[in-house]
PDB file of N, CA and C in Angstrom:
ATOM      1  N   UNK A   1     112.327 109.857  99.255  1.00  0.00           N
ATOM      2  CA  UNK A   1     110.981 110.223  98.937  1.00  0.00           C
ATOM      3  C   UNK A   1     110.509 111.284  99.948  1.00  0.00           C
ATOM      4  N   UNK A   2     109.928 112.366  99.447  1.00  0.00           N
ATOM      5  CA  UNK A   2     109.509 113.434 100.307  1.00  0.00           C
ATOM      6  C   UNK A   2     108.121 113.108 100.912  1.00  0.00           C
ATOM      7  N   UNK A   3     107.695 113.927 101.847  1.00  0.00           N
ATOM      8  CA  UNK A   3     106.391 113.699 102.488  1.00  0.00           C
ATOM      9  C   UNK A   3     105.271 113.866 101.481  1.00  0.00           C
ATOM     10  N   UNK A   4     105.464 114.776 100.494  1.00  0.00           N
ATOM     11  CA  UNK A   4     104.475 114.923  99.433  1.00  0.00           C
ATOM     12  C   UNK A   4     104.385 113.653  98.587  1.00  0.00           C
ATOM     13  N   UNK A   5     105.531 113.009  98.352  1.00  0.00           N
ATOM     14  CA  UNK A   5     105.547 111.785  97.574  1.00  0.00           C
ATOM     15  C   UNK A   5     104.829 110.654  98.290  1.00  0.00           C
ATOM     16  N   UNK A   6     105.000 110.613  99.633  1.00  0.00           N
ATOM     17  CA  UNK A   6     104.326 109.596 100.432  1.00  0.00           C
ATOM     18  C   UNK A   6     102.806 109.803 100.418  1.00  0.00           C
ATOM     19  N   UNK A   7     102.383 111.049 100.594  1.00  0.00           N
ATOM     20  CA  UNK A   7     100.970 111.378 100.556  1.00  0.00           C
ATOM     21  C   UNK A   7     100.357 111.057  99.189  1.00  0.00           C
ATOM     22  N   UNK A   8     101.093 111.399  98.139  1.00  0.00           N
ATOM     23  CA  UNK A   8     100.643 111.089  96.759  1.00  0.00           C
ATOM     24  C   UNK A   8     100.529 109.571  96.566  1.00  0.00           C
ATOM     25  N   UNK A   9     101.487 108.804  97.085  1.00  0.00           N
ATOM     26  CA  UNK A   9     101.446 107.370  96.960  1.00  0.00           C
ATOM     27  C   UNK A   9     100.240 106.781  97.676  1.00  0.00           C
ATOM     28  N   UNK A  10      99.916 107.319  98.861  1.00  0.00           N
ATOM     29  CA  UNK A  10      98.758 106.833  99.593  1.00  0.00           C
ATOM     30  C   UNK A  10      97.449 107.148  98.840  1.00  0.00           C
ATOM     31  N   UNK A  11      97.332 108.380  98.306  1.00  0.00           N
ATOM     32  CA  UNK A  11      96.116 108.744  97.621  1.00  0.00           C
ATOM     33  C   UNK A  11      95.993 107.967  96.323  1.00  0.00           C
ATOM     34  N   UNK A  12      97.068 107.853  95.555  1.00  0.00           N
ATOM     35  CA  UNK A  12      97.038 107.104  94.309  1.00  0.00           C
ATOM     36  C   UNK A  12      96.819 105.596  94.595  1.00  0.00           C
ATOM     37  N   UNK A  13      97.410 105.098  95.649  1.00  0.00           N
ATOM     38  CA  UNK A  13      97.184 103.724  96.040  1.00  0.00           C
ATOM     39  C   UNK A  13      95.745 103.431  96.394  1.00  0.00           C
ATOM     40  N   UNK A  14      95.099 104.380  97.075  1.00  0.00           N
ATOM     41  CA  UNK A  14      93.694 104.210  97.416  1.00  0.00           C
ATOM     42  C   UNK A  14      92.839 104.198  96.152  1.00  0.00           C
ATOM     43  N   UNK A  15      93.168 105.070  95.181  1.00  0.00           N
ATOM     44  CA  UNK A  15      92.407 105.094  93.930  1.00  0.00           C
ATOM     45  C   UNK A  15      92.597 103.809  93.141  1.00  0.00           C
ATOM     46  N   UNK A  16      93.843 103.370  93.014  1.00  0.00           N
ATOM     47  CA  UNK A  16      94.151 102.144  92.244  1.00  0.00           C
ATOM     48  C   UNK A  16      93.511 100.951  92.945  1.00  0.00           C
ATOM     49  N   UNK A  17      93.621 100.863  94.257  1.00  0.00           N
ATOM     50  CA  UNK A  17      93.009  99.735  95.012  1.00  0.00           C
ATOM     51  C   UNK A  17      91.490  99.724  94.892  1.00  0.00           C
ATOM     52  N   UNK A  18      90.880 100.903  95.003  1.00  0.00           N
ATOM     53  CA  UNK A  18      89.411 100.972  94.875  1.00  0.00           C
ATOM     54  C   UNK A  18      88.961 100.586  93.482  1.00  0.00           C
ATOM     55  N   UNK A  19      89.689 101.051  92.470  1.00  0.00           N
ATOM     56  CA  UNK A  19      89.353 100.700  91.097  1.00  0.00           C
ATOM     57  C   UNK A  19      89.476  99.213  90.865  1.00  0.00           C
ATOM     58  N   UNK A  20      90.508  98.598  91.432  1.00  0.00           N
ATOM     59  CA  UNK A  20      90.697  97.163  91.310  1.00  0.00           C
ATOM     60  C   UNK A  20      89.540  96.428  91.961  1.00  0.00           C
ATOM     61  N   UNK A  21      89.121  96.886  93.123  1.00  0.00           N
ATOM     62  CA  UNK A  21      87.981  96.216  93.801  1.00  0.00           C
ATOM     63  C   UNK A  21      86.682  96.366  93.018  1.00  0.00           C
ATOM     64  N   UNK A  22      86.527  97.463  92.322  1.00  0.00           N
ATOM     65  CA  UNK A  22      85.352  97.655  91.470  1.00  0.00           C
ATOM     66  C   UNK A  22      85.385  96.731  90.267  1.00  0.00           C
ATOM     67  N   UNK A  23      86.579  96.427  89.746  1.00  0.00           N
ATOM     68  CA  UNK A  23      86.692  95.602  88.557  1.00  0.00           C
ATOM     69  C   UNK A  23      86.644  94.109  88.859  1.00  0.00           C
ATOM     70  N   UNK A  24      86.911  93.723  90.129  1.00  0.00           N
ATOM     71  CA  UNK A  24      86.830  92.310  90.496  1.00  0.00           C
ATOM     72  C   UNK A  24      85.374  91.975  90.825  1.00  0.00           C
ATOM     73  N   UNK A  25      84.810  90.982  90.184  1.00  0.00           N
ATOM     74  CA  UNK A  25      83.392  90.659  90.435  1.00  0.00           C
ATOM     75  C   UNK A  25      83.197  90.058  91.843  1.00  0.00           C
ATOM     76  N   UNK A  26      82.004  90.279  92.363  1.00  0.00           N
ATOM     77  CA  UNK A  26      81.663  89.711  93.676  1.00  0.00           C
ATOM     78  C   UNK A  26      82.045  90.643  94.805  1.00  0.00           C
ATOM     79  N   UNK A  27      81.745  90.192  96.035  1.00  0.00           N
ATOM     80  CA  UNK A  27      82.067  90.999  97.222  1.00  0.00           C
ATOM     81  C   UNK A  27      83.429  90.574  97.771  1.00  0.00           C
ATOM     82  N   UNK A  28      84.238  91.579  98.051  1.00  0.00           N
ATOM     83  CA  UNK A  28      85.547  91.319  98.653  1.00  0.00           C
ATOM     84  C   UNK A  28      85.475  91.648 100.124  1.00  0.00           C
ATOM     85  N   UNK A  29      85.886  90.675 100.938  1.00  0.00           N
ATOM     86  CA  UNK A  29      85.871  90.851 102.408  1.00  0.00           C
ATOM     87  C   UNK A  29      87.260  91.273 102.839  1.00  0.00           C
ATOM     88  N   UNK A  30      87.569  92.589 102.604  1.00  0.00           N
ATOM     89  CA  UNK A  30      88.869  93.089 103.041  1.00  0.00           C
ATOM     90  C   UNK A  30      88.665  94.533 103.505  1.00  0.00           C
ATOM     91  N   UNK A  31      89.412  94.939 104.539  1.00  0.00           N
ATOM     92  CA  UNK A  31      89.246  96.282 105.049  1.00  0.00           C
ATOM     93  C   UNK A  31      89.832  97.325 104.111  1.00  0.00           C
ATOM     94  N   UNK A  32      89.434  98.568 104.292  1.00  0.00           N
ATOM     95  CA  UNK A  32      89.869  99.663 103.426  1.00  0.00           C
ATOM     96  C   UNK A  32      91.406  99.888 103.504  1.00  0.00           C
ATOM     97  N   UNK A  33      91.980  99.675 104.695  1.00  0.00           N
ATOM     98  CA  UNK A  33      93.451  99.864 104.814  1.00  0.00           C
ATOM     99  C   UNK A  33      94.181  98.852 103.956  1.00  0.00           C
ATOM    100  N   UNK A  34      93.641  97.661 103.830  1.00  0.00           N
ATOM    101  CA  UNK A  34      94.246  96.639 103.004  1.00  0.00           C
ATOM    102  C   UNK A  34      94.071  96.951 101.522  1.00  0.00           C
ATOM    103  N   UNK A  35      92.924  97.543 101.187  1.00  0.00           N
ATOM    104  CA  UNK A  35      92.729  98.001  99.791  1.00  0.00           C
ATOM    105  C   UNK A  35      93.764  99.053  99.416  1.00  0.00           C
ATOM    106  N   UNK A  36      93.991  99.995 100.299  1.00  0.00           N
ATOM    107  CA  UNK A  36      95.002 101.051 100.063  1.00  0.00           C
ATOM    108  C   UNK A  36      96.383 100.435  99.942  1.00  0.00           C
ATOM    109  N   UNK A  37      96.706  99.515 100.842  1.00  0.00           N
ATOM    110  CA  UNK A  37      98.026  98.865 100.797  1.00  0.00           C
ATOM    111  C   UNK A  37      98.208  98.085  99.527  1.00  0.00           C
ATOM    112  N   UNK A  38      97.203  97.351  99.074  1.00  0.00           N
ATOM    113  CA  UNK A  38      97.316  96.644  97.803  1.00  0.00           C
ATOM    114  C   UNK A  38      97.523  97.612  96.664  1.00  0.00           C
ATOM    115  N   UNK A  39      96.799  98.727  96.690  1.00  0.00           N
ATOM    116  CA  UNK A  39      96.944  99.761  95.639  1.00  0.00           C
ATOM    117  C   UNK A  39      98.319 100.396  95.618  1.00  0.00           C
ATOM    118  N   UNK A  40      98.877 100.658  96.788  1.00  0.00           N
ATOM    119  CA  UNK A  40     100.223 101.266  96.868  1.00  0.00           C
ATOM    120  C   UNK A  40     101.255 100.295  96.328  1.00  0.00           C
ATOM    121  N   UNK A  41     101.186  99.023  96.747  1.00  0.00           N
ATOM    122  CA  UNK A  41     102.138  98.012  96.281  1.00  0.00           C
ATOM    123  C   UNK A  41     101.968  97.830  94.762  1.00  0.00           C
ATOM    124  N   UNK A  42     100.758  97.828  94.294  1.00  0.00           N
ATOM    125  CA  UNK A  42     100.493  97.661  92.834  1.00  0.00           C
ATOM    126  C   UNK A  42     101.039  98.840  92.076  1.00  0.00           C
ATOM    127  N   UNK A  43     100.937 100.050  92.622  1.00  0.00           N
ATOM    128  CA  UNK A  43     101.452 101.201  91.929  1.00  0.00           C
ATOM    129  C   UNK A  43     102.954 101.108  91.773  1.00  0.00           C
ATOM    130  N   UNK A  44     103.668 100.676  92.821  1.00  0.00           N
ATOM    131  CA  UNK A  44     105.120 100.532  92.733  1.00  0.00           C
ATOM    132  C   UNK A  44     105.508  99.415  91.751  1.00  0.00           C
ATOM    133  N   UNK A  45     104.809  98.289  91.838  1.00  0.00           N
ATOM    134  CA  UNK A  45     105.147  97.164  90.928  1.00  0.00           C
ATOM    135  C   UNK A  45     104.841  97.529  89.498  1.00  0.00           C
ATOM    136  N   UNK A  46     103.688  98.175  89.238  1.00  0.00           N
ATOM    137  CA  UNK A  46     103.330  98.597  87.888  1.00  0.00           C
ATOM    138  C   UNK A  46     104.348  99.574  87.322  1.00  0.00           C
ATOM    139  N   UNK A  47     104.820 100.497  88.129  1.00  0.00           N
ATOM    140  CA  UNK A  47     105.852 101.417  87.674  1.00  0.00           C
ATOM    141  C   UNK A  47     107.156 100.682  87.359  1.00  0.00           C
ATOM    142  N   UNK A  48     107.501  99.708  88.192  1.00  0.00           N
ATOM    143  CA  UNK A  48     108.727  98.900  88.015  1.00  0.00           C
ATOM    144  C   UNK A  48     108.616  98.119  86.696  1.00  0.00           C
ATOM    145  N   UNK A  49     107.441  97.536  86.400  1.00  0.00           N
ATOM    146  CA  UNK A  49     107.256  96.814  85.135  1.00  0.00           C
ATOM    147  C   UNK A  49     107.416  97.743  83.948  1.00  0.00           C
ATOM    148  N   UNK A  50     106.791  98.900  84.038  1.00  0.00           N
ATOM    149  CA  UNK A  50     106.929  99.885  82.940  1.00  0.00           C
ATOM    150  C   UNK A  50     108.369 100.325  82.739  1.00  0.00           C
ATOM    151  N   UNK A  51     109.099 100.461  83.854  1.00  0.00           N
ATOM    152  CA  UNK A  51     110.517 100.812  83.774  1.00  0.00           C
ATOM    153  C   UNK A  51     111.323  99.693  83.116  1.00  0.00           C
ATOM    154  N   UNK A  52     111.019  98.447  83.456  1.00  0.00           N
ATOM    155  CA  UNK A  52     111.709  97.290  82.848  1.00  0.00           C
ATOM    156  C   UNK A  52     111.488  97.242  81.331  1.00  0.00           C
ATOM    157  N   UNK A  53     110.295  97.658  80.913  1.00  0.00           N
ATOM    158  CA  UNK A  53     109.967  97.649  79.477  1.00  0.00           C
ATOM    159  C   UNK A  53     110.388  98.928  78.765  1.00  0.00           C
ATOM    160  N   UNK A  54     111.151  99.764  79.463  1.00  0.00           N
ATOM    161  CA  UNK A  54     111.653 101.024  78.929  1.00  0.00           C
ATOM    162  C   UNK A  54     110.539 101.983  78.462  1.00  0.00           C
ATOM    163  N   UNK A  55     109.442 101.972  79.205  1.00  0.00           N
ATOM    164  CA  UNK A  55     108.375 102.924  78.956  1.00  0.00           C
ATOM    165  C   UNK A  55     108.634 104.178  79.776  1.00  0.00           C
ATOM    166  N   UNK A  56     108.117 105.296  79.334  1.00  0.00           N
ATOM    167  CA  UNK A  56     108.289 106.545  80.092  1.00  0.00           C
ATOM    168  C   UNK A  56     107.614 106.390  81.459  1.00  0.00           C
ATOM    169  N   UNK A  57     108.319 106.740  82.516  1.00  0.00           N
ATOM    170  CA  UNK A  57     107.743 106.590  83.876  1.00  0.00           C
ATOM    171  C   UNK A  57     107.621 107.934  84.583  1.00  0.00           C
ATOM    172  N   UNK A  58     107.683 109.054  83.870  1.00  0.00           N
ATOM    173  CA  UNK A  58     107.464 110.364  84.485  1.00  0.00           C
ATOM    174  C   UNK A  58     106.174 110.942  83.935  1.00  0.00           C
ATOM    175  N   UNK A  59     105.373 111.556  84.795  1.00  0.00           N
ATOM    176  CA  UNK A  59     104.109 112.088  84.342  1.00  0.00           C
ATOM    177  C   UNK A  59     103.094 110.986  84.110  1.00  0.00           C
ATOM    178  N   UNK A  60     101.988 111.298  83.406  1.00  0.00           N
ATOM    179  CA  UNK A  60     100.984 110.282  83.150  1.00  0.00           C
ATOM    180  C   UNK A  60     101.419 109.410  82.015  1.00  0.00           C
ATOM    181  N   UNK A  61     101.323 108.092  82.238  1.00  0.00           N
ATOM    182  CA  UNK A  61     101.668 107.094  81.236  1.00  0.00           C
ATOM    183  C   UNK A  61     100.576 106.066  81.206  1.00  0.00           C
ATOM    184  N   UNK A  62      99.906 105.927  80.049  1.00  0.00           N
ATOM    185  CA  UNK A  62      98.796 105.026  79.897  1.00  0.00           C
ATOM    186  C   UNK A  62      99.154 103.602  80.261  1.00  0.00           C
ATOM    187  N   UNK A  63     100.250 103.085  79.695  1.00  0.00           N
ATOM    188  CA  UNK A  63     100.632 101.690  79.891  1.00  0.00           C
ATOM    189  C   UNK A  63     101.048 101.441  81.378  1.00  0.00           C
ATOM    190  N   UNK A  64     101.725 102.392  81.957  1.00  0.00           N
ATOM    191  CA  UNK A  64     102.109 102.237  83.359  1.00  0.00           C
ATOM    192  C   UNK A  64     100.863 102.123  84.244  1.00  0.00           C
ATOM    193  N   UNK A  65      99.850 102.943  83.961  1.00  0.00           N
ATOM    194  CA  UNK A  65      98.602 102.898  84.714  1.00  0.00           C
ATOM    195  C   UNK A  65      97.881 101.556  84.521  1.00  0.00           C
ATOM    196  N   UNK A  66      97.913 101.054  83.292  1.00  0.00           N
ATOM    197  CA  UNK A  66      97.264  99.760  82.999  1.00  0.00           C
ATOM    198  C   UNK A  66      97.976  98.647  83.821  1.00  0.00           C
ATOM    199  N   UNK A  67      99.336  98.688  83.827  1.00  0.00           N
ATOM    200  CA  UNK A  67     100.091  97.690  84.606  1.00  0.00           C
ATOM    201  C   UNK A  67      99.732  97.786  86.091  1.00  0.00           C
ATOM    202  N   UNK A  68      99.617  98.984  86.574  1.00  0.00           N
ATOM    203  CA  UNK A  68      99.275  99.186  88.007  1.00  0.00           C
ATOM    204  C   UNK A  68      97.898  98.635  88.337  1.00  0.00           C
ATOM    205  N   UNK A  69      96.945  98.884  87.457  1.00  0.00           N
ATOM    206  CA  UNK A  69      95.575  98.373  87.690  1.00  0.00           C
ATOM    207  C   UNK A  69      95.548  96.864  87.613  1.00  0.00           C
ATOM    208  N   UNK A  70      96.217  96.282  86.624  1.00  0.00           N
ATOM    209  CA  UNK A  70      96.256  94.821  86.517  1.00  0.00           C
ATOM    210  C   UNK A  70      96.899  94.179  87.724  1.00  0.00           C
ATOM    211  N   UNK A  71      97.988  94.738  88.182  1.00  0.00           N
ATOM    212  CA  UNK A  71      98.668  94.205  89.400  1.00  0.00           C
ATOM    213  C   UNK A  71      97.744  94.365  90.605  1.00  0.00           C
ATOM    214  N   UNK A  72      97.039  95.471  90.697  1.00  0.00           N
ATOM    215  CA  UNK A  72      96.085  95.673  91.800  1.00  0.00           C
ATOM    216  C   UNK A  72      94.964  94.653  91.763  1.00  0.00           C
ATOM    217  N   UNK A  73      94.455  94.358  90.584  1.00  0.00           N
ATOM    218  CA  UNK A  73      93.394  93.357  90.443  1.00  0.00           C
ATOM    219  C   UNK A  73      93.913  91.995  90.924  1.00  0.00           C
ATOM    220  N   UNK A  74      95.104  91.659  90.511  1.00  0.00           N
ATOM    221  CA  UNK A  74      95.728  90.375  90.960  1.00  0.00           C
ATOM    222  C   UNK A  74      95.889  90.402  92.474  1.00  0.00           C
ATOM    223  N   UNK A  75      96.325  91.509  93.008  1.00  0.00           N
ATOM    224  CA  UNK A  75      96.476  91.647  94.490  1.00  0.00           C
ATOM    225  C   UNK A  75      95.153  91.497  95.216  1.00  0.00           C
ATOM    226  N   UNK A  76      94.086  92.128  94.681  1.00  0.00           N
ATOM    227  CA  UNK A  76      92.777  92.000  95.331  1.00  0.00           C
ATOM    228  C   UNK A  76      92.290  90.560  95.285  1.00  0.00           C
ATOM    229  N   UNK A  77      92.507  89.897  94.155  1.00  0.00           N
ATOM    230  CA  UNK A  77      92.107  88.496  94.045  1.00  0.00           C
ATOM    231  C   UNK A  77      92.858  87.630  95.049  1.00  0.00           C
ATOM    232  N   UNK A  78      94.131  87.850  95.210  1.00  0.00           N
ATOM    233  CA  UNK A  78      94.941  87.074  96.156  1.00  0.00           C
ATOM    234  C   UNK A  78      94.485  87.343  97.617  1.00  0.00           C
ATOM    235  N   UNK A  79      94.312  88.629  97.935  1.00  0.00           N
ATOM    236  CA  UNK A  79      93.911  88.965  99.312  1.00  0.00           C
ATOM    237  C   UNK A  79      92.514  88.426  99.588  1.00  0.00           C
ATOM    238  N   UNK A  80      91.611  88.526  98.613  1.00  0.00           N
ATOM    239  CA  UNK A  80      90.232  88.017  98.804  1.00  0.00           C
ATOM    240  C   UNK A  80      90.279  86.518  99.079  1.00  0.00           C
ATOM    241  N   UNK A  81      91.136  85.818  98.364  1.00  0.00           N
ATOM    242  CA  UNK A  81      91.227  84.347  98.556  1.00  0.00           C
ATOM    243  C   UNK A  81      91.844  83.993  99.929  1.00  0.00           C
ATOM    244  N   UNK A  82      92.754  84.827 100.439  1.00  0.00           N
ATOM    245  CA  UNK A  82      93.471  84.513 101.682  1.00  0.00           C
ATOM    246  C   UNK A  82      92.857  85.125 102.906  1.00  0.00           C
ATOM    247  N   UNK A  83      92.158  86.268 102.770  1.00  0.00           N
ATOM    248  CA  UNK A  83      91.626  87.005 103.930  1.00  0.00           C
ATOM    249  C   UNK A  83      90.401  86.280 104.454  1.00  0.00           C
ATOM    250  N   UNK A  84      90.268  86.091 105.793  1.00  0.00           N
ATOM    251  CA  UNK A  84      89.095  85.395 106.326  1.00  0.00           C
ATOM    252  C   UNK A  84      87.805  86.165 106.043  1.00  0.00           C
ATOM    253  N   UNK A  85      86.767  85.442 105.673  1.00  0.00           N
ATOM    254  CA  UNK A  85      85.505  86.092 105.344  1.00  0.00           C
ATOM    255  C   UNK A  85      84.794  86.580 106.617  1.00  0.00           C
ATOM    256  N   UNK A  86      84.946  85.877 107.682  1.00  0.00           N
ATOM    257  CA  UNK A  86      84.354  86.262 108.945  1.00  0.00           C
ATOM    258  C   UNK A  86      85.395  86.265 110.036  1.00  0.00           C
ATOM    259  N   UNK A  87      86.068  87.412 110.175  1.00  0.00           N
ATOM    260  CA  UNK A  87      87.194  87.514 111.105  1.00  0.00           C
ATOM    261  C   UNK A  87      86.721  87.423 112.569  1.00  0.00           C
ATOM    262  N   UNK A  88      85.453  87.707 112.840  1.00  0.00           N
ATOM    263  CA  UNK A  88      84.957  87.735 114.221  1.00  0.00           C
ATOM    264  C   UNK A  88      84.505  86.353 114.694  1.00  0.00           C
ATOM    265  N   UNK A  89      84.460  85.336 113.872  1.00  0.00           N
ATOM    266  CA  UNK A  89      83.990  84.029 114.275  1.00  0.00           C
ATOM    267  C   UNK A  89      85.004  83.282 115.062  1.00  0.00           C
TER     268      UNK A  89
END
């Protein structure tokens, strides 16, 4: 993976993670770096799922993006349940 691919993954991960946080109801007590990390992991897993289902994985793919967002929502829900609400206590 080139440096451009890494930068693209970080930017796309931030977008996917932020979108997932917007779609999950309530307040999520997680830092922005964790949102980006959840988004990056979700982007890779969503692409992998689309690849397993033999969907096109180059360029924009509607179903691949849906898988990525759904995985990111699941990731945000898991992190919200496990991340301490008050880390400074």
